[in-house]
Amino acid sequence: VVSTQSTGEIVCFQFFTSVEPLMHGVVLATAGYDHTIRFWEAPSGSFYRTIQVPESQINKLEITPNKQYIVAVGNPFVKLFEVQTNNPNPVTAFDGHTGNVTSVGFQRDGRWMFTGSEDGSIKIWDMRAPGCQQEYENGCRINSVALHPNQTQLISGDQNGVVKVWDLAEGTWAREMIPASEIPIRSVSMSADCSMLVAGNNKGTCFVWDGNYIPIQRIEAHKKYLLKALFSPDARVLATTSADSTVKLWMVKSANDEQPFKLNKTLVGHQRWVWDCSFSADSAYIVTASSDGYARLWDVFTGESIRQYAGHQKPVTCIALNDVEL
């Protein structure tokens, strides 16, 4: 089901064999139910810093584009911490949500931040000014929010199974898709080249639209809860994580283009739910976070687990990686 509030249409491997590319300028952090953020040396698997966040579990992490700060969100807090110091205290808090905060991200240049919450709202925060600058009321729990690469739209997935495209200039939603009625959308992701949008739901199914939001593919990805769906930066791979303890890598296009979204690798090693994942900037590696208390670094090309990050005392629910050269 597709509907729009406006008449206009919205238009819009290279692999390495060692972990060396991750060694320079990498910020890797994990968090979860033990109320801590841990920072890791990506190549060695050793953690070098811990931040305590006593308020609640941490649902999501995101690193600013300049690698100076990291934001952690939970129930119902949004807190910003310094990355390059040992300061254990947040430099600022963004107050306003009244429910569990489930999503967070930054505009390309780090000028503003967006958050989504189970209180049914999406909020925009100017990083240079206090308070919430803009708010969108969805009417039901927000489970996932992604920023369109054009930086003018937000895409949300909610508990009622609705995917909405929010126009930041107009201050309202411009389009909605309901791929499977009343089955909650768990994760949304837009490819960096603006050619595809994916939404994964609680039944383990992924729905893919093209850049004009025309449905193009349905993927029965997992038989249990799907927890994260994410395109690689080069838009060649779709990763899905699940309550079945696996991570699946789907080739967006096969060699002969006859079978898009062909399953290429199933990453096996985690023992419990895999909540989150993040690709390296070159799309050669993926890092995953699991309820088994571990994070893992995988080679996308071989499907092998290269590193295991151990130290959390409870489930690891989120991960943030920024290895972009500044």
Protein backbone atom coordinates (compact mmCIF):
# COMPACT_ATOMS: atom_id res chain seq x y z
CA VAL A 1 0.00 0.00 0.00
CA VAL A 2 1.49 3.38 -1.03
CA SER A 3 0.07 6.84 -0.36
CA THR A 4 1.44 10.37 -0.74
CA GLN A 5 0.56 13.79 0.62
CA SER A 6 2.08 15.63 -2.32
CA THR A 7 1.76 15.36 -6.08
CA GLY A 8 5.49 15.37 -6.79
CA GLU A 9 7.51 12.18 -7.01
CA ILE A 10 10.64 11.83 -4.95
CA VAL A 11 13.50 11.06 -7.27
CA CYS A 12 16.37 10.96 -6.39
CA PHE A 13 34.40 -5.26 -4.37
CA GLN A 14 37.03 -4.17 -3.47
CA PHE A 15 38.15 -6.50 -0.59
CA PHE A 16 41.26 -6.62 1.58
CA THR A 17 42.83 -9.71 3.10
CA SER A 18 44.04 -8.16 6.34
CA VAL A 19 42.70 -5.93 9.05
CA GLU A 20 45.36 -3.24 8.40
CA PRO A 21 42.95 -0.71 6.82
CA LEU A 22 41.09 -0.53 10.15
CA MET A 23 44.17 0.42 12.12
CA HIS A 24 44.36 4.11 11.24
CA GLY A 25 41.90 6.58 12.76
CA VAL A 26 39.31 4.02 13.79
CA VAL A 27 36.66 4.65 16.43
CA LEU A 28 34.89 1.43 17.43
CA ALA A 29 32.47 1.34 20.35
CA THR A 30 29.88 -1.06 21.73
CA ALA A 31 27.21 -0.84 24.43
CA GLY A 32 24.28 -2.75 25.84
CA TYR A 33 22.49 -4.01 28.91
CA ASP A 34 25.44 -3.66 31.30
CA HIS A 35 25.02 0.16 31.12
CA THR A 36 28.53 0.68 29.71
CA ILE A 37 30.08 2.00 26.51
CA ARG A 38 33.35 0.32 25.62
CA PHE A 39 35.92 1.63 23.15
CA TRP A 40 38.03 -0.93 21.32
CA GLU A 41 41.29 -1.21 19.45
CA ALA A 42 39.83 -2.75 16.33
CA PRO A 43 42.87 -4.79 15.20
CA SER A 44 43.80 -6.29 18.58
CA GLY A 45 40.36 -6.73 20.14
CA SER A 46 41.42 -4.96 23.35
CA PHE A 47 39.25 -2.30 24.96
CA TYR A 48 40.94 0.87 26.20
CA ARG A 49 38.12 2.91 27.72
CA THR A 50 34.79 2.40 29.47
CA ILE A 51 32.00 4.93 30.12
CA GLN A 52 29.30 4.16 32.67
CA VAL A 53 25.73 5.14 31.79
CA PRO A 54 23.68 4.26 34.89
CA GLU A 55 20.22 5.40 33.72
CA SER A 56 19.28 2.40 31.59
CA GLN A 57 20.43 -0.01 28.93
CA ILE A 58 21.90 1.63 25.82
CA ASN A 59 19.91 1.05 22.65
CA LYS A 60 21.96 2.80 19.98
CA LEU A 61 25.32 4.50 19.50
CA GLU A 62 26.42 6.91 16.80
CA ILE A 63 29.74 8.68 16.23
CA THR A 64 29.86 12.21 14.86
CA PRO A 65 31.37 12.54 11.37
CA ASN A 66 34.44 14.33 12.79
CA LYS A 67 34.98 11.53 15.37
CA GLN A 68 34.99 14.01 18.24
CA TYR A 69 31.81 12.81 19.97
CA ILE A 70 29.63 9.75 20.44
CA VAL A 71 25.94 9.81 21.30
CA ALA A 72 24.26 7.12 23.36
CA VAL A 73 20.48 6.72 23.61
CA GLY A 74 18.35 4.71 26.03
CA ASN A 75 15.19 4.98 28.11
CA PRO A 76 14.54 7.87 27.63
CA PHE A 77 17.93 9.65 27.53
CA VAL A 78 20.09 11.08 24.74
CA LYS A 79 23.65 11.85 25.88
CA LEU A 80 26.72 13.12 24.06
CA PHE A 81 30.22 12.09 25.19
CA GLU A 82 33.72 13.08 24.10
CA VAL A 83 35.62 10.46 22.10
CA GLN A 84 39.17 11.83 22.25
CA THR A 85 39.39 12.38 26.03
CA ASN A 86 38.96 10.34 29.20
CA ASN A 87 36.08 12.47 30.45
CA PRO A 88 33.49 9.98 31.80
CA ASN A 89 30.69 12.55 31.93
CA PRO A 90 28.42 13.62 29.08
CA VAL A 91 29.19 17.03 27.63
CA THR A 92 25.49 17.58 27.02
CA ALA A 93 22.14 15.84 27.25
CA PHE A 94 19.22 16.27 24.88
CA ASP A 95 16.04 16.15 26.94
CA GLY A 96 12.55 15.83 25.53
CA HIS A 97 11.69 12.22 24.76
CA THR A 98 9.31 10.52 27.17
CA GLY A 99 9.83 6.93 26.00
CA ASN A 100 12.56 4.52 25.01
CA VAL A 101 14.81 6.11 22.35
CA THR A 102 15.37 3.59 19.57
CA SER A 103 17.22 5.49 16.83
CA VAL A 104 19.85 8.18 16.42
CA GLY A 105 21.96 9.60 13.61
CA PHE A 106 23.77 12.68 12.35
CA GLN A 107 23.48 14.92 9.33
CA ARG A 108 26.40 14.48 6.91
CA ASP A 109 28.42 17.40 8.34
CA GLY A 110 27.36 16.83 11.95
CA ARG A 111 25.39 20.06 12.17
CA TRP A 112 22.24 18.37 13.46
CA MET A 113 21.11 15.07 14.91
CA PHE A 114 17.87 13.09 14.69
CA THR A 115 16.32 10.70 17.22
CA GLY A 116 13.33 8.39 17.14
CA SER A 117 11.47 7.02 20.14
CA GLU A 118 8.78 4.69 21.38
CA ASP A 119 6.97 7.86 22.51
CA GLY A 120 5.95 8.14 18.84
CA SER A 121 8.09 11.12 17.95
CA ILE A 122 11.09 11.96 15.77
CA LYS A 123 13.10 14.93 16.93
CA ILE A 124 15.71 17.12 15.22
CA TRP A 125 18.45 18.65 17.38
CA ASP A 126 20.81 21.43 16.30
CA MET A 127 24.25 20.56 17.65
CA ARG A 128 25.03 24.28 18.06
CA ALA A 129 21.88 25.31 19.93
CA PRO A 130 19.95 24.05 22.95
CA GLY A 131 16.61 22.26 22.78
CA CYS A 132 14.71 20.41 20.09
CA GLN A 133 14.42 22.41 16.86
CA GLN A 134 11.81 20.28 15.09
CA GLU A 135 9.49 17.43 16.02
CA TYR A 136 7.39 14.99 14.00
CA GLU A 137 4.54 13.09 15.62
CA ASN A 138 4.06 9.62 14.16
CA GLY A 139 1.17 8.41 16.31
CA CYS A 140 2.75 5.11 17.33
CA ARG A 141 6.11 3.68 18.44
CA ILE A 142 9.10 4.44 16.23
CA ASN A 143 11.44 1.46 15.94
CA SER A 144 13.93 2.72 13.35
CA VAL A 145 14.87 5.96 11.59
CA ALA A 146 17.34 6.50 8.74
CA LEU A 147 18.48 9.70 7.05
CA HIS A 148 18.13 9.77 3.27
CA PRO A 149 21.50 10.51 1.59
CA ASN A 150 19.92 13.65 0.10
CA GLN A 151 19.85 14.99 3.69
CA THR A 152 16.32 16.38 3.20
CA GLN A 153 14.24 13.36 4.22
CA LEU A 154 14.00 10.95 7.11
CA ILE A 155 12.65 7.42 6.74
CA SER A 156 10.97 5.73 9.70
CA GLY A 157 9.67 2.26 10.48
CA ASP A 158 7.09 1.84 13.23
CA GLN A 159 5.27 -0.65 15.41
CA ASN A 160 2.18 -0.62 13.17
CA GLY A 161 4.18 -1.87 10.19
CA VAL A 162 4.32 1.49 8.40
CA VAL A 163 7.33 2.97 6.60
CA LYS A 164 7.11 6.75 6.27
CA VAL A 165 9.18 9.30 4.37
CA TRP A 166 9.34 12.60 6.24
CA ASP A 167 10.01 15.84 4.35
CA LEU A 168 12.23 17.99 6.56
CA ALA A 169 11.41 21.19 4.68
CA GLU A 170 7.64 20.68 4.83
CA GLY A 171 7.64 19.34 8.39
CA THR A 172 5.37 16.37 7.66
CA TRP A 173 5.38 12.95 6.05
CA ALA A 174 5.29 12.91 2.26
CA ARG A 175 4.79 9.21 1.59
CA GLU A 176 4.00 6.00 3.42
CA MET A 177 4.33 2.31 2.58
CA ILE A 178 2.65 -0.56 4.39
CA PRO A 179 4.35 -3.72 3.10
CA ALA A 180 2.74 -6.19 5.55
CA SER A 181 -0.14 -4.81 7.57
CA GLU A 182 0.36 -4.58 11.35
CA ILE A 183 3.67 -6.49 11.40
CA PRO A 184 6.14 -4.13 13.13
CA ILE A 185 8.97 -2.72 11.05
CA ARG A 186 12.20 -3.32 12.96
CA SER A 187 14.84 -1.68 10.74
CA VAL A 188 15.11 0.66 7.74
CA SER A 189 18.14 1.53 5.60
CA MET A 190 18.68 3.62 2.47
CA SER A 191 21.57 2.82 0.14
CA ALA A 192 24.23 5.51 -0.19
CA ASP A 193 23.58 5.86 -3.93
CA CYS A 194 19.87 6.55 -3.23
CA SER A 195 18.83 3.63 -5.44
CA MET A 196 17.22 1.38 -2.80
CA LEU A 197 15.32 1.46 0.47
CA VAL A 198 14.99 -1.66 2.62
CA ALA A 199 12.70 -2.31 5.57
CA GLY A 200 12.85 -5.47 7.69
CA ASN A 201 10.02 -6.64 9.93
CA ASN A 202 9.44 -8.83 12.96
CA LYS A 203 8.67 -11.86 10.78
CA GLY A 204 12.17 -11.85 9.28
CA THR A 205 11.06 -10.44 5.93
CA CYS A 206 12.79 -7.62 4.06
CA PHE A 207 10.99 -5.37 1.58
CA VAL A 208 12.98 -3.40 -0.98
CA TRP A 209 11.88 -0.31 -2.93
CA ASP A 210 13.77 1.58 -5.62
CA GLY A 211 14.76 5.24 -5.34
CA ASN A 212 11.25 6.31 -6.31
CA TYR A 213 9.73 4.05 -3.63
CA ILE A 214 8.39 1.51 -6.10
CA PRO A 215 8.47 -2.05 -4.66
CA ILE A 216 11.10 -4.22 -6.35
CA GLN A 217 11.89 -7.15 -4.06
CA ARG A 218 10.69 -9.22 -1.11
CA ILE A 219 13.28 -11.29 0.75
CA GLU A 220 12.42 -14.00 3.25
CA ALA A 221 15.64 -13.34 5.12
CA HIS A 222 15.15 -15.10 8.47
CA LYS A 223 12.60 -17.37 10.14
CA LYS A 224 12.87 -15.46 13.43
CA TYR A 225 12.87 -11.77 14.33
CA LEU A 226 14.90 -9.57 12.00
CA LEU A 227 16.74 -7.01 14.11
CA LYS A 228 18.82 -4.99 11.64
CA ALA A 229 18.94 -4.48 7.86
CA LEU A 230 21.80 -2.39 6.50
CA PHE A 231 23.27 -1.64 3.09
CA SER A 232 27.04 -1.54 2.77
CA PRO A 233 28.56 1.87 1.87
CA ASP A 234 29.21 0.71 -1.70
CA ALA A 235 25.56 -0.48 -2.00
CA ARG A 236 26.68 -3.93 -3.17
CA VAL A 237 25.74 -5.90 -0.04
CA LEU A 238 22.70 -5.99 2.23
CA ALA A 239 23.35 -7.33 5.73
CA THR A 240 20.55 -8.69 7.91
CA THR A 241 20.84 -9.72 11.56
CA SER A 242 18.39 -11.83 13.49
CA ALA A 243 17.22 -13.55 16.64
CA ASP A 244 18.35 -16.77 14.96
CA SER A 245 21.96 -15.77 15.95
CA THR A 246 23.13 -15.35 12.34
CA VAL A 247 24.13 -12.51 10.07
CA LYS A 248 23.29 -12.91 6.39
CA LEU A 249 24.98 -11.09 3.54
CA TRP A 250 22.94 -10.65 0.37
CA MET A 251 24.50 -9.58 -2.92
CA VAL A 252 22.40 -6.74 -4.26
CA LYS A 253 23.22 -7.86 -7.81
CA SER A 254 24.71 -11.16 -8.94
CA ALA A 255 27.38 -11.43 -11.59
CA ASN A 256 24.82 -11.87 -14.39
CA ASP A 257 22.18 -9.64 -12.76
CA GLU A 258 19.64 -12.43 -13.07
CA GLN A 259 19.07 -12.92 -9.35
CA PRO A 260 19.22 -9.75 -7.26
CA PHE A 261 19.59 -10.12 -3.50
CA LYS A 262 21.10 -13.57 -3.71
CA LEU A 263 22.28 -14.95 -0.37
CA ASN A 264 26.06 -14.85 -0.49
CA LYS A 265 27.24 -15.63 3.05
CA THR A 266 25.75 -16.66 6.39
CA LEU A 267 27.98 -15.54 9.24
CA VAL A 268 27.86 -18.11 12.05
CA GLY A 269 29.59 -17.66 15.40
CA HIS A 270 27.31 -15.69 17.70
CA GLN A 271 25.36 -17.82 20.16
CA ARG A 272 22.35 -15.56 20.72
CA TRP A 273 20.43 -12.71 19.09
CA VAL A 274 22.47 -10.42 16.82
CA TRP A 275 21.13 -6.93 17.44
CA ASP A 276 23.26 -4.61 15.39
CA CYS A 277 25.90 -4.35 12.69
CA SER A 278 28.09 -1.74 11.03
CA PHE A 279 30.21 -1.85 7.87
CA SER A 280 33.71 -0.45 7.49
CA ALA A 281 33.95 2.51 5.11
CA ASP A 282 35.42 0.34 2.33
CA SER A 283 32.62 -2.26 2.75
CA ALA A 284 35.26 -4.98 3.27
CA TYR A 285 34.43 -5.66 6.93
CA ILE A 286 31.36 -5.80 9.14
CA VAL A 287 31.16 -5.61 12.93
CA THR A 288 28.27 -7.22 14.80
CA ALA A 289 26.83 -7.04 18.34
CA SER A 290 25.05 -9.89 20.11
CA SER A 291 23.18 -10.93 23.23
CA ASP A 292 25.95 -13.46 23.81
CA GLY A 293 27.98 -10.55 25.23
CA TYR A 294 30.40 -10.32 22.32
CA ALA A 295 31.03 -8.17 19.29
CA ARG A 296 32.72 -9.68 16.26
CA LEU A 297 34.63 -8.39 13.25
CA TRP A 298 34.03 -10.33 10.01
CA ASP A 299 35.61 -10.37 6.58
CA VAL A 300 32.77 -9.71 4.14
CA PHE A 301 34.52 -11.50 1.26
CA THR A 302 35.37 -14.74 3.08
CA GLY A 303 32.67 -14.70 5.77
CA GLU A 304 35.31 -15.46 8.41
CA SER A 305 35.29 -14.04 11.94
CA ILE A 306 38.58 -12.15 12.35
CA ARG A 307 38.27 -10.68 15.84
CA GLN A 308 36.10 -11.13 18.92
CA TYR A 309 35.57 -8.26 21.33
CA ALA A 310 34.97 -9.56 24.86
CA GLY A 311 34.35 -7.53 28.00
CA HIS A 312 30.66 -6.76 28.35
CA GLN A 313 28.89 -8.55 31.20
CA LYS A 314 25.45 -8.58 29.58
CA PRO A 315 23.97 -8.53 26.06
CA VAL A 316 25.60 -6.16 23.57
CA THR A 317 22.80 -4.40 21.73
CA CYS A 318 24.53 -1.71 19.67
CA ILE A 319 27.72 -0.88 17.88
CA ALA A 320 29.25 2.21 16.28
CA LEU A 321 32.15 2.26 13.83
CA ASN A 322 33.76 5.23 12.11
CA ASP A 323 36.89 4.48 10.10
CA VAL A 324 36.41 7.19 7.47
CA GLU A 325 39.62 9.07 6.78
CA LEU A 326 39.16 12.76 7.60
